[in-house]
């Protein structure tokens, strides 16, 4: 009898996401809630956030003795996800294994052709309805072909069932918030915080050529009720003391009326929380007269992916924005007292030292508080993949993380590109740190910026590479050392 399901987050680290803090796997929280409601016992094991290595993971699997082991993967984590499922099969050859997420949604054919001894089922798209139906069918001996949203290996071939319809009512989902050990999830740049990832919508209407979100959600966009979303935040604050929230949506601000209602409800609730979110340039420009509401509602941090610094590259990436618009949106965010974060993409096939210098100069003109200089990653399901394919010099998917150079440009080596990117980071923040240090009138923002940069230097991929570019000036060392004892993965992970 299949009864106990273990959800394991792959223990993947590349020094990007984890540099700011740690937060629960929201997909697993939703999945656990639906599986539990269907009568199954569920264990969530966040090996990534706990910084557990494979001997510890093996010990935990043996301890739990699950009937089913499930994991999730985007492209950079697929190797670790498969390693977990291989380990589970070695521990118990009778265990059933599930694999979901973006990468198997698009690449199930290759995964099952190569790893059908390891992966029993790939879940395609949203898993909250598929996983319970699959488990019930396995328990009852039902026809697996009737379970929509699956791919599996049978009779030496890949079987793909009918597409799973998207969940119409997102508020019908039952997240298992009670299964989270909140002490495992701090923000490194604000003391005494516990972080939740929350979701007010699903979908993206933009078709950026390097991305996958539009395809993953089938070009759809679905929204939760504003009152229920804010009530969830209030519940997490009241019941678990969660006081920092990442809004996981790709595009939370799309419907102006709903978004303004969310802001007004947050202001009315006066929860005393910090909110971090992503949105698009156009909506910041649209909301320029009510950005004070953003800040009063608790929004501290806004990310916008401007991605490029000239109109040619913006068109190539299918970014429907202009340089001047992005620059103005960043200025408005900062003027409203919030922290702006953005990114540009480097390492395209036609990259040269001159184009990198141009990008850096224009990135400085954008003047976002935090700026990321990202390497293009040729994800095999992105529209840009075919254009990039002839220049792919690295086939190890674990390197497809926006940090390591995967593309070999025509006029530079990958090593040269990487060194130039590191110089972009160093020179950008050498200018920013004194500015933050001397900031007046916004103590929270100043503190978050300085401690945030300290956390980045302690936890991110930059820590291992910056020493090769020469020692930081003593004044910069002073700025980074201004706040003592900032949280890091080493002193706060279990």
Protein backbone atom coordinates (compact mmCIF):
# COMPACT_ATOMS: atom_id res chain seq x y z
CA UNK A 1 0.00 0.00 0.00
CA UNK A 2 1.51 3.33 -1.09
CA UNK A 3 0.89 5.68 1.79
CA UNK A 4 3.92 7.77 2.78
CA UNK A 5 5.27 10.38 0.37
CA UNK A 6 8.58 12.19 0.89
CA UNK A 7 9.11 15.49 -0.95
CA UNK A 8 12.82 16.33 -1.20
CA UNK A 9 14.30 19.60 -2.47
CA UNK A 10 17.53 18.91 -4.40
CA UNK A 11 20.64 20.08 -2.50
CA UNK A 12 21.80 22.40 -5.28
CA UNK A 13 23.82 25.56 -4.61
CA UNK A 14 25.43 27.96 -7.05
CA UNK A 15 25.82 31.07 -4.91
CA UNK A 16 22.92 33.12 -6.28
CA UNK A 17 19.54 32.62 -4.65
CA UNK A 18 20.89 31.55 -1.26
CA UNK A 19 23.00 34.69 -0.86
CA UNK A 20 19.99 36.71 0.37
CA UNK A 21 18.38 34.17 2.66
CA UNK A 22 16.41 30.93 2.66
CA UNK A 23 12.72 30.34 2.04
CA UNK A 24 10.46 27.27 1.89
CA UNK A 25 9.69 25.43 -1.32
CA UNK A 26 6.23 26.84 -2.03
CA UNK A 27 5.45 24.18 -4.62
CA UNK A 28 5.97 21.46 -2.01
CA UNK A 29 3.78 23.30 0.52
CA UNK A 30 0.91 23.32 -1.96
CA UNK A 31 1.60 19.74 -3.06
CA UNK A 32 1.80 18.49 0.54
CA UNK A 33 -1.52 20.11 1.37
CA UNK A 34 -3.33 18.44 -1.53
CA UNK A 35 -1.72 15.04 -0.93
CA UNK A 36 -2.59 15.20 2.75
CA UNK A 37 -6.19 16.13 1.93
CA UNK A 38 -6.32 13.02 -0.29
CA UNK A 39 -5.39 10.85 2.69
CA UNK A 40 -1.63 10.41 2.24
CA UNK A 41 1.10 10.94 4.81
CA UNK A 42 3.56 13.57 3.61
CA UNK A 43 7.08 14.55 4.70
CA UNK A 44 8.72 17.74 3.38
CA UNK A 45 12.52 17.56 3.48
CA UNK A 46 14.22 20.76 2.32
CA UNK A 47 17.74 19.41 1.89
CA UNK A 48 18.77 22.52 -0.03
CA UNK A 49 17.87 25.04 2.67
CA UNK A 50 19.35 22.82 5.38
CA UNK A 51 22.61 22.56 3.42
CA UNK A 52 22.48 18.79 3.77
CA UNK A 53 24.79 16.66 1.68
CA UNK A 54 24.09 13.25 0.20
CA UNK A 55 25.14 11.09 3.20
CA UNK A 56 22.67 13.06 5.34
CA UNK A 57 19.97 12.76 2.67
CA UNK A 58 20.50 9.01 2.46
CA UNK A 59 20.25 8.71 6.23
CA UNK A 60 17.01 10.70 6.26
CA UNK A 61 15.44 8.56 3.49
CA UNK A 62 16.35 5.39 5.40
CA UNK A 63 14.88 6.89 8.56
CA UNK A 64 11.57 7.90 6.94
CA UNK A 65 11.16 4.71 4.85
CA UNK A 66 8.83 6.40 2.34
CA UNK A 67 6.74 4.53 -0.18
CA UNK A 68 7.17 7.40 -2.65
CA UNK A 69 10.03 9.86 -3.13
CA UNK A 70 9.27 12.98 -5.16
CA UNK A 71 11.49 15.86 -6.14
CA UNK A 72 11.44 18.85 -8.45
CA UNK A 73 13.88 20.36 -10.91
CA UNK A 74 14.66 23.37 -13.01
CA UNK A 75 17.48 22.84 -15.49
CA UNK A 76 20.38 23.58 -13.16
CA UNK A 77 19.04 21.19 -10.49
CA UNK A 78 18.11 18.25 -12.71
CA UNK A 79 21.35 16.36 -12.02
CA UNK A 80 20.82 16.57 -8.26
CA UNK A 81 17.16 15.66 -8.58
CA UNK A 82 18.05 12.51 -10.53
CA UNK A 83 20.76 11.69 -7.99
CA UNK A 84 18.18 11.81 -5.19
CA UNK A 85 15.82 9.48 -7.06
CA UNK A 86 18.68 7.10 -7.91
CA UNK A 87 19.60 7.01 -4.23
CA UNK A 88 16.00 6.31 -3.25
CA UNK A 89 15.85 3.37 -5.69
CA UNK A 90 19.12 2.00 -4.33
CA UNK A 91 17.84 2.18 -0.76
CA UNK A 92 14.52 0.57 -1.69
CA UNK A 93 14.07 -0.81 -5.22
CA UNK A 94 10.30 -0.90 -4.62
CA UNK A 95 10.00 2.83 -3.96
CA UNK A 96 7.98 4.87 -6.47
CA UNK A 97 9.71 8.01 -7.76
CA UNK A 98 8.16 11.22 -9.08
CA UNK A 99 9.83 14.17 -10.80
CA UNK A 100 8.13 17.52 -11.43
CA UNK A 101 9.04 21.10 -12.21
CA UNK A 102 9.99 23.17 -15.23
CA UNK A 103 12.73 20.95 -16.65
CA UNK A 104 10.78 17.66 -16.68
CA UNK A 105 7.69 19.48 -17.95
CA UNK A 106 9.55 20.24 -21.17
CA UNK A 107 12.26 17.55 -21.22
CA UNK A 108 10.42 14.45 -19.98
CA UNK A 109 11.19 12.63 -23.23
CA UNK A 110 14.97 12.82 -22.73
CA UNK A 111 14.71 12.15 -19.00
CA UNK A 112 12.66 9.00 -19.41
CA UNK A 113 14.69 7.74 -22.35
CA UNK A 114 17.88 8.03 -20.31
CA UNK A 115 16.69 7.50 -16.72
CA UNK A 116 13.53 5.37 -16.79
CA UNK A 117 15.15 2.99 -14.27
CA UNK A 118 15.31 5.95 -11.88
CA UNK A 119 12.24 8.07 -12.71
CA UNK A 120 8.90 6.29 -12.57
CA UNK A 121 6.74 9.33 -13.41
CA UNK A 122 7.28 12.86 -14.68
CA UNK A 123 4.56 15.31 -13.71
CA UNK A 124 3.96 17.82 -16.49
CA UNK A 125 2.90 21.33 -15.44
CA UNK A 126 1.02 21.97 -12.21
CA UNK A 127 1.19 19.02 -9.85
CA UNK A 128 -1.38 19.75 -7.14
CA UNK A 129 -4.17 17.87 -8.91
CA UNK A 130 -2.01 15.36 -10.80
CA UNK A 131 -0.05 13.95 -7.85
CA UNK A 132 -3.07 12.96 -5.69
CA UNK A 133 -4.83 11.44 -8.71
CA UNK A 134 -1.69 9.50 -9.59
CA UNK A 135 -1.28 8.21 -6.05
CA UNK A 136 -4.92 7.17 -5.84
CA UNK A 137 -4.64 5.35 -9.18
CA UNK A 138 -1.53 3.51 -8.00
CA UNK A 139 -3.22 2.49 -4.76
CA UNK A 140 -6.43 1.32 -6.45
CA UNK A 141 -4.80 -0.21 -9.53
CA UNK A 142 -6.54 2.32 -11.75
CA UNK A 143 -5.71 3.15 -15.36
CA UNK A 144 -2.72 5.49 -15.31
CA UNK A 145 -3.54 6.68 -18.82
CA UNK A 146 -6.60 8.37 -17.37
CA UNK A 147 -4.45 10.56 -15.10
CA UNK A 148 -3.85 13.77 -17.03
CA UNK A 149 -0.46 15.51 -16.88
CA UNK A 150 1.83 12.47 -16.74
CA UNK A 151 4.73 10.99 -18.67
CA UNK A 152 6.15 7.56 -17.87
CA UNK A 153 8.03 4.66 -19.41
CA UNK A 154 6.11 1.60 -20.55
CA UNK A 155 6.89 -1.12 -23.09
CA UNK A 156 10.16 0.54 -24.13
CA UNK A 157 8.52 3.84 -24.95
CA UNK A 158 7.40 7.09 -23.33
CA UNK A 159 3.69 7.30 -22.56
CA UNK A 160 2.25 10.82 -22.33
CA UNK A 161 -1.27 11.28 -20.98
CA UNK A 162 -3.67 14.09 -21.86
CA UNK A 163 -2.63 17.63 -20.84
CA UNK A 164 -3.73 18.62 -17.35
CA UNK A 165 -6.09 21.62 -17.35
CA UNK A 166 -4.77 24.52 -15.30
CA UNK A 167 -6.32 25.02 -11.87
CA UNK A 168 -9.06 27.59 -12.31
CA UNK A 169 -9.52 28.57 -8.66
CA UNK A 170 -6.12 29.07 -7.04
CA UNK A 171 -7.81 29.87 -3.74
CA UNK A 172 -9.12 26.28 -3.63
CA UNK A 173 -5.59 25.02 -2.91
CA UNK A 174 -4.74 24.12 0.69
CA UNK A 175 -1.11 24.97 1.47
CA UNK A 176 0.41 22.97 4.35
CA UNK A 177 1.92 25.93 6.20
CA UNK A 178 1.89 23.95 9.46
CA UNK A 179 4.53 21.59 8.05
CA UNK A 180 7.15 24.35 7.78
CA UNK A 181 9.93 24.68 10.37
CA UNK A 182 10.11 28.46 10.20
CA UNK A 183 13.42 28.82 12.06
CA UNK A 184 15.11 27.38 8.97
CA UNK A 185 14.11 30.38 6.84
CA UNK A 186 15.77 33.72 7.71
CA UNK A 187 16.54 36.77 5.63
CA UNK A 188 20.21 37.57 5.93
CA UNK A 189 19.85 41.32 5.55
CA UNK A 190 17.12 42.01 8.13
CA UNK A 191 17.59 40.62 11.61
CA UNK A 192 14.99 38.46 13.35
CA UNK A 193 13.01 37.60 10.24
CA UNK A 194 11.29 34.42 9.13
CA UNK A 195 10.48 34.24 5.43
CA UNK A 196 7.53 32.80 3.53
CA UNK A 197 7.12 32.52 -0.22
CA UNK A 198 3.54 33.41 -1.15
CA UNK A 199 1.61 33.36 -4.40
CA UNK A 200 -1.11 35.82 -5.49
CA UNK A 201 -1.22 34.77 -9.15
CA UNK A 202 0.20 32.29 -11.64
CA UNK A 203 1.23 32.97 -15.18
CA UNK A 204 3.08 35.45 -17.33
CA UNK A 205 1.88 37.29 -20.42
CA UNK A 206 5.36 38.31 -21.56
CA UNK A 207 7.22 36.19 -24.11
CA UNK A 208 10.88 36.88 -23.28
CA UNK A 209 13.00 34.77 -25.60
CA UNK A 210 15.40 33.51 -22.90
CA UNK A 211 12.69 32.53 -20.39
CA UNK A 212 10.24 29.66 -19.85
CA UNK A 213 7.45 31.07 -17.71
CA UNK A 214 5.10 32.02 -20.56
CA UNK A 215 5.40 28.48 -21.97
CA UNK A 216 5.11 26.73 -18.61
CA UNK A 217 1.80 28.45 -17.86
CA UNK A 218 0.57 28.01 -21.46
CA UNK A 219 0.37 31.77 -21.94
CA UNK A 220 -2.26 32.00 -19.20
CA UNK A 221 -2.68 34.33 -16.24
CA UNK A 222 -4.77 33.50 -13.17
CA UNK A 223 -5.28 35.57 -10.04
CA UNK A 224 -6.21 34.87 -6.45
CA UNK A 225 -8.81 36.90 -4.62
CA UNK A 226 -7.15 39.98 -3.09
CA UNK A 227 -8.82 39.56 0.31
CA UNK A 228 -7.89 35.88 0.58
CA UNK A 229 -4.30 36.60 -0.40
CA UNK A 230 -3.89 39.31 2.25
CA UNK A 231 -5.69 37.11 4.79
CA UNK A 232 -3.08 34.42 4.13
CA UNK A 233 -0.27 36.86 4.89
CA UNK A 234 -2.06 37.93 8.08
CA UNK A 235 -2.53 34.26 9.07
CA UNK A 236 1.16 33.50 8.61
CA UNK A 237 2.12 36.53 10.68
CA UNK A 238 -0.37 35.76 13.43
CA UNK A 239 0.05 31.98 13.69
CA UNK A 240 3.74 31.51 12.90
CA UNK A 241 5.37 34.90 13.40
CA UNK A 242 6.37 35.19 9.73
CA UNK A 243 7.35 38.79 9.11
CA UNK A 244 8.96 38.74 5.65
CA UNK A 245 7.28 37.65 2.44
CA UNK A 246 8.57 36.98 -1.05
CA UNK A 247 5.74 37.29 -3.56
CA UNK A 248 6.55 34.43 -5.92
CA UNK A 249 4.44 35.71 -8.83
CA UNK A 250 6.08 36.54 -12.12
CA UNK A 251 3.58 39.38 -12.56
CA UNK A 252 1.54 40.25 -9.42
CA UNK A 253 0.57 43.78 -10.51
CA UNK A 254 -1.07 42.95 -13.85
CA UNK A 255 -4.67 43.83 -12.95
CA UNK A 256 -4.54 47.36 -11.58
CA UNK A 257 -7.81 47.19 -9.64
CA UNK A 258 -6.89 43.96 -7.85
CA UNK A 259 -3.35 45.14 -7.11
CA UNK A 260 -4.54 48.43 -5.61
CA UNK A 261 -7.00 46.48 -3.47
CA UNK A 262 -4.16 44.29 -2.20
CA UNK A 263 -2.16 47.39 -1.29
CA UNK A 264 -5.13 48.99 0.47
CA UNK A 265 -5.87 45.81 2.44
CA UNK A 266 -2.24 45.52 3.52
CA UNK A 267 -2.21 49.15 4.61
CA UNK A 268 -5.45 48.64 6.55
CA UNK A 269 -4.12 45.45 8.21
CA UNK A 270 -0.90 47.24 9.28
CA UNK A 271 0.91 43.93 9.79
CA UNK A 272 4.42 45.29 10.25
CA UNK A 273 5.89 42.95 7.64
CA UNK A 274 8.48 43.31 4.91
CA UNK A 275 7.44 42.36 1.37
CA UNK A 276 9.78 41.57 -1.52
CA UNK A 277 8.41 41.21 -5.03
CA UNK A 278 9.00 41.26 -8.76
CA UNK A 279 7.11 43.26 -11.33
CA UNK A 280 7.54 44.91 -14.70
CA UNK A 281 8.63 48.38 -15.75
CA UNK A 282 5.29 49.32 -17.28
CA UNK A 283 3.36 48.75 -14.08
CA UNK A 284 5.75 50.84 -11.99
CA UNK A 285 5.29 53.68 -14.49
CA UNK A 286 1.53 53.14 -14.37
CA UNK A 287 1.56 53.29 -10.56
CA UNK A 288 3.98 56.19 -10.19
CA UNK A 289 1.43 58.27 -8.26
CA UNK A 290 0.67 55.51 -5.75
CA UNK A 291 4.14 54.13 -5.06
CA UNK A 292 3.74 55.58 -1.58
CA UNK A 293 1.06 52.90 -1.12
CA UNK A 294 3.58 50.21 -2.05
CA UNK A 295 5.89 51.38 0.71
CA UNK A 296 3.14 51.91 3.28
CA UNK A 297 1.85 48.39 2.55
CA UNK A 298 5.25 47.01 3.58
CA UNK A 299 6.91 46.58 0.20
CA UNK A 300 10.61 47.10 0.73
CA UNK A 301 12.23 45.46 -2.26
CA UNK A 302 11.25 45.37 -5.96
CA UNK A 303 13.00 43.38 -8.67
CA UNK A 304 12.59 44.22 -12.34
CA UNK A 305 14.51 42.31 -15.00
CA UNK A 306 15.53 45.01 -17.46
CA UNK A 307 17.87 42.39 -19.04
CA UNK A 308 19.58 44.62 -21.59
CA UNK A 309 21.02 48.08 -21.97
CA UNK A 310 20.47 48.83 -25.63
CA UNK A 311 17.42 48.71 -27.87
CA UNK A 312 18.88 46.05 -30.18
CA UNK A 313 19.37 43.55 -27.37
CA UNK A 314 16.01 44.41 -25.83
CA UNK A 315 14.36 43.51 -29.14
CA UNK A 316 16.38 40.30 -29.38
CA UNK A 317 15.20 39.29 -25.90
CA UNK A 318 11.61 40.29 -26.79
CA UNK A 319 11.54 42.79 -23.94
CA UNK A 320 8.77 45.21 -24.77
CA UNK A 321 10.39 48.12 -22.95
CA UNK A 322 12.74 51.00 -23.69
CA UNK A 323 15.93 51.89 -21.87
CA UNK A 324 14.56 55.26 -20.74
CA UNK A 325 11.42 53.62 -19.34
CA UNK A 326 13.41 51.15 -17.27
CA UNK A 327 15.68 53.90 -15.98
CA UNK A 328 12.68 55.97 -14.92
CA UNK A 329 10.98 53.02 -13.19
CA UNK A 330 14.12 52.32 -11.17
CA UNK A 331 14.35 55.99 -10.20
CA UNK A 332 10.73 55.99 -9.04
CA UNK A 333 11.23 52.91 -6.86
CA UNK A 334 14.24 54.45 -5.16
CA UNK A 335 12.54 57.81 -4.77
CA UNK A 336 9.66 56.06 -2.95
CA UNK A 337 12.10 54.70 -0.38
CA UNK A 338 12.20 51.12 -1.63
CA UNK A 339 15.17 49.01 -2.72
CA UNK A 340 15.45 48.41 -6.46
CA UNK A 341 17.05 45.29 -7.88
CA UNK A 342 17.60 44.51 -11.52
CA UNK A 343 19.72 42.47 -13.91
CA UNK A 344 21.33 42.53 -17.31
CA UNK A 345 22.29 39.51 -19.40
CA UNK A 346 25.79 39.04 -20.80
CA UNK A 347 27.66 36.35 -22.69
CA UNK A 348 25.72 36.25 -25.95
CA UNK A 349 27.54 34.83 -29.03
CA UNK A 350 28.43 38.31 -30.32
CA UNK A 351 29.79 39.53 -26.96
CA UNK A 352 33.05 41.48 -26.99
CA UNK A 353 35.01 43.39 -24.34
CA UNK A 354 33.58 46.56 -25.86
CA UNK A 355 29.95 45.41 -25.61
CA UNK A 356 30.50 44.42 -21.97
CA UNK A 357 31.95 47.86 -21.23
CA UNK A 358 28.94 49.44 -22.93
CA UNK A 359 26.56 47.29 -20.91
CA UNK A 360 28.34 48.18 -17.69
CA UNK A 361 28.24 51.90 -18.44
CA UNK A 362 24.52 51.77 -19.15
CA UNK A 363 23.89 49.57 -16.10
CA UNK A 364 25.44 52.35 -14.05
CA UNK A 365 23.08 54.75 -15.76
CA UNK A 366 20.14 52.55 -14.77
CA UNK A 367 21.51 52.99 -11.24
CA UNK A 368 19.54 50.22 -9.57
CA UNK A 369 20.50 49.60 -5.94
CA UNK A 370 21.38 45.99 -6.68
CA UNK A 371 22.38 44.99 -10.20
CA UNK A 372 23.10 41.44 -11.35
CA UNK A 373 25.32 40.77 -14.34
CA UNK A 374 23.94 37.40 -15.47
CA UNK A 375 25.33 34.89 -17.94
CA UNK A 376 22.93 33.79 -20.64
CA UNK A 377 21.78 30.21 -19.98
CA UNK A 378 20.62 28.21 -23.04
CA UNK A 379 17.71 26.41 -21.43
CA UNK A 380 16.60 23.80 -23.96
CA UNK A 381 12.96 24.92 -23.87
CA UNK A 382 13.52 28.68 -24.35
CA UNK A 383 12.83 30.35 -27.69
CA UNK A 384 16.43 31.54 -27.84
CA UNK A 385 17.83 28.00 -27.61
CA UNK A 386 18.15 27.28 -31.33
CA UNK A 387 20.05 30.53 -31.89
CA UNK A 388 22.41 29.74 -29.01
CA UNK A 389 22.84 26.03 -29.69
CA UNK A 390 25.85 26.30 -32.04
CA UNK A 391 27.76 28.19 -29.33
CA UNK A 392 27.05 25.90 -26.38
CA UNK A 393 30.39 24.85 -24.90
CA UNK A 394 29.13 23.28 -21.68
CA UNK A 395 26.64 20.40 -21.56
CA UNK A 396 26.57 19.93 -17.78
CA UNK A 397 23.13 21.27 -16.87
CA UNK A 398 24.28 22.13 -13.34
CA UNK A 399 26.22 25.02 -14.91
CA UNK A 400 23.08 26.51 -16.48
CA UNK A 401 22.57 28.81 -13.50
CA UNK A 402 23.11 32.35 -14.89
CA UNK A 403 26.45 32.51 -13.07
CA UNK A 404 28.78 30.24 -15.02
CA UNK A 405 29.59 30.85 -18.70
CA UNK A 406 27.98 28.15 -20.85
CA UNK A 407 28.13 29.92 -24.23
CA UNK A 408 31.44 30.40 -26.04
CA UNK A 409 31.21 33.78 -27.82
CA UNK A 410 32.83 34.21 -31.19
CA UNK A 411 35.27 36.91 -30.07
CA UNK A 412 36.04 36.00 -26.43
CA UNK A 413 36.81 32.92 -24.40
CA UNK A 414 34.41 31.92 -21.68
CA UNK A 415 37.09 32.66 -19.10
CA UNK A 416 37.48 36.19 -20.47
CA UNK A 417 33.74 36.78 -20.29
CA UNK A 418 33.60 35.53 -16.72
CA UNK A 419 36.46 37.77 -15.63
CA UNK A 420 34.79 40.78 -17.23
CA UNK A 421 31.53 39.97 -15.46
CA UNK A 422 33.33 39.76 -12.12
CA UNK A 423 34.87 43.16 -12.83
CA UNK A 424 31.37 44.51 -13.52
CA UNK A 425 30.25 43.37 -10.07
CA UNK A 426 33.34 44.73 -8.35
CA UNK A 427 33.25 48.14 -10.02
CA UNK A 428 29.48 48.54 -9.66
CA UNK A 429 29.45 47.92 -5.91
CA UNK A 430 32.65 49.82 -5.19
CA UNK A 431 30.66 52.84 -6.36
CA UNK A 432 27.48 51.84 -4.55
CA UNK A 433 28.90 51.06 -1.10
CA UNK A 434 30.05 54.59 -0.23
CA UNK A 435 26.69 55.91 -1.47
CA UNK A 436 24.81 53.56 0.85
CA UNK A 437 27.15 54.26 3.75
CA UNK A 438 26.44 57.99 3.55
CA UNK A 439 22.68 57.56 3.00
CA UNK A 440 20.50 59.75 5.23
CA UNK A 441 16.83 59.67 6.13
CA UNK A 442 16.02 55.99 5.51
CA UNK A 443 17.72 53.88 8.16
CA UNK A 444 15.90 50.65 7.24
CA UNK A 445 16.92 50.86 3.59
CA UNK A 446 20.49 51.82 4.46
CA UNK A 447 20.78 48.93 6.89
CA UNK A 448 19.26 46.44 4.43
CA UNK A 449 21.55 47.56 1.60
CA UNK A 450 24.75 47.34 3.63
CA UNK A 451 23.93 44.08 5.38
CA UNK A 452 22.60 42.71 2.11
CA UNK A 453 25.89 43.40 0.37
CA UNK A 454 27.76 41.86 3.28
CA UNK A 455 25.61 38.74 2.97
CA UNK A 456 26.25 38.58 -0.78
CA UNK A 457 30.00 38.75 -0.22
CA UNK A 458 29.80 36.03 2.44
CA UNK A 459 27.39 33.63 0.72
CA UNK A 460 27.38 34.15 -3.04
CA UNK A 461 29.58 32.89 -5.85
CA UNK A 462 31.42 36.23 -5.68
CA UNK A 463 33.13 35.21 -2.44
CA UNK A 464 35.26 32.59 -4.17
CA UNK A 465 36.18 34.74 -7.17
CA UNK A 466 36.70 38.30 -6.06
CA UNK A 467 40.10 37.64 -4.50
CA UNK A 468 41.52 37.03 -7.95
CA UNK A 469 40.68 40.59 -8.98
CA UNK A 470 42.85 42.24 -6.38
CA UNK A 471 42.15 43.24 -2.80
CA UNK A 472 39.23 45.48 -2.06
CA UNK A 473 40.21 49.00 -0.96
CA UNK A 474 40.27 49.46 2.82
CA UNK A 475 37.38 51.92 2.65
CA UNK A 476 35.21 49.25 1.01
CA UNK A 477 36.27 46.70 3.62
CA UNK A 478 35.15 49.23 6.21
CA UNK A 479 31.72 49.54 4.62
CA UNK A 480 31.28 45.76 4.41
CA UNK A 481 32.35 45.37 8.02
CA UNK A 482 30.10 48.12 9.33
CA UNK A 483 27.45 45.72 10.57
CA UNK A 484 28.90 42.91 12.63
CA UNK A 485 27.39 39.47 12.93
CA UNK A 486 25.12 39.41 9.88
CA UNK A 487 23.40 36.06 9.39
CA UNK A 488 24.90 33.59 6.94
CA UNK A 489 24.12 30.09 5.82
CA UNK A 490 26.81 28.73 8.15
CA UNK A 491 25.57 30.28 11.37
CA UNK A 492 21.85 29.83 10.78
CA UNK A 493 21.39 26.58 8.85
CA UNK A 494 20.39 23.53 10.85
